[in-house]
Every structure is written in structure tokens, then in C-alpha cells.
Amino acid sequence: MTTSLNNAQLELLKLFAADLSDAELEDLRRVLIDFRYRRLQQAIDQLNPSQEDIEMWGKGHDRTPYRSQDASNQSDS
């Protein structure tokens, strides 16, 4: 299976082709985490959910139901 890198991954590889010290690597992690946090916060702010919405999301079980492997094996026999 071949997996290609997305544009952000390629850019980061080019930008950090040289080794970083442990301190620099930790700084980079913090910058990336902060970037991701700000993007998520912007998305939440655009949704403008009520407190009730947030509580419902926390209690929700919106997973896709999948047939178990056992059930599919039994139907094949």
C-alpha cells in the first residue's frame, strides 16, 4: 500500500531537513500544537454552539455501526 504525503507534510520535511536539537524539537511541537488549537478554536467559534449543544455532543454515540467479523463469518457458511 502506497501512502502519499499531503502538502503540509511535504513542506515540513523540506523546512526541517536538518536535524534539530531536543529543545528546538520541543519548541516546534509547541508551535504546531498551538497552530492546531487555534484552527480548531476558529472552527468551534464559527459553529457558535450553545452549552446544550456541547453537552449533547459529549453524550452522543455517533459512531458508524459495523457488522462484527463473527457475524459476517457465520453468514458465509
Protein backbone atom coordinates (compact mmCIF):
# COMPACT_ATOMS: atom_id res chain seq x y z
CA MET A 1 0.00 0.00 0.00
CA THR A 2 1.43 3.36 -1.03
CA THR A 3 0.64 6.43 1.04
CA SER A 4 1.49 9.86 -0.31
CA LEU A 5 2.29 12.83 1.89
CA ASN A 6 0.00 15.85 1.93
CA ASN A 7 1.21 19.37 1.15
CA ALA A 8 1.76 20.30 4.82
CA GLN A 9 3.85 17.17 5.45
CA LEU A 10 5.99 17.84 2.38
CA GLU A 11 6.55 21.45 3.38
CA LEU A 12 7.60 20.45 6.90
CA LEU A 13 10.04 17.88 5.52
CA LYS A 14 11.65 20.50 3.30
CA LEU A 15 11.74 23.10 6.06
CA PHE A 16 13.31 20.79 8.64
CA ALA A 17 15.65 18.70 6.52
CA ALA A 18 18.45 19.43 9.04
CA ASP A 19 18.45 17.85 12.49
CA LEU A 20 17.01 19.85 15.38
CA SER A 21 18.20 19.84 18.96
CA ASP A 22 15.86 18.43 21.60
CA ALA A 23 14.99 21.98 22.72
CA GLU A 24 14.26 23.08 19.15
CA LEU A 25 12.15 19.99 18.56
CA GLU A 26 10.12 20.72 21.69
CA ASP A 27 9.63 24.34 20.54
CA LEU A 28 8.44 23.08 17.16
CA ARG A 29 5.96 20.70 18.78
CA ARG A 30 4.54 23.55 20.85
CA VAL A 31 4.19 25.79 17.80
CA LEU A 32 2.41 23.06 15.83
CA ILE A 33 0.10 22.22 18.73
CA ASP A 34 -0.74 25.92 19.18
CA PHE A 35 -1.44 26.23 15.45
CA ARG A 36 -3.78 23.22 15.55
CA TYR A 37 -5.53 24.53 18.68
CA ARG A 38 -6.17 27.93 17.07
CA ARG A 39 -7.59 26.27 13.92
CA LEU A 40 -9.92 24.08 15.99
CA GLN A 41 -10.98 27.04 18.13
CA GLN A 42 -11.84 29.04 15.00
CA ALA A 43 -13.98 26.15 13.71
CA ILE A 44 -15.82 25.93 17.03
CA ASP A 45 -16.33 29.70 17.11
CA GLN A 46 -17.88 29.57 13.62
CA LEU A 47 -20.30 26.87 14.78
CA ASN A 48 -21.26 29.03 17.77
CA PRO A 49 -22.73 26.06 19.69
CA SER A 50 -24.89 26.55 22.76
CA GLN A 51 -23.96 24.95 26.07
CA GLU A 52 -26.79 22.47 25.47
CA ASP A 53 -25.30 21.51 22.07
CA ILE A 54 -21.89 20.90 23.63
CA GLU A 55 -23.40 18.73 26.37
CA MET A 56 -25.36 16.69 23.78
CA TRP A 57 -22.17 16.15 21.74
CA GLY A 58 -20.42 14.90 24.87
CA LYS A 59 -23.14 12.31 25.46
CA GLY A 60 -23.55 11.30 21.83
CA HIS A 61 -22.51 7.99 20.29
CA ASP A 62 -22.24 8.87 16.62
CA ARG A 63 -20.03 6.01 15.58
CA THR A 64 -20.68 4.18 12.35
CA PRO A 65 -22.18 0.78 13.13
CA TYR A 66 -20.14 -2.04 11.65
CA ARG A 67 -21.02 -5.68 11.30
CA SER A 68 -18.79 -7.78 13.50
CA GLN A 69 -16.33 -10.19 11.92
CA ASP A 70 -18.08 -13.08 13.66
CA ALA A 71 -21.46 -12.18 12.18
CA SER A 72 -20.07 -11.96 8.66
CA ASN A 73 -18.23 -15.31 9.04
CA GLN A 74 -21.40 -17.04 10.22
CA SER A 75 -23.46 -15.74 7.30
CA ASP A 76 -20.88 -17.10 4.83
CA SER A 77 -21.32 -20.71 5.98
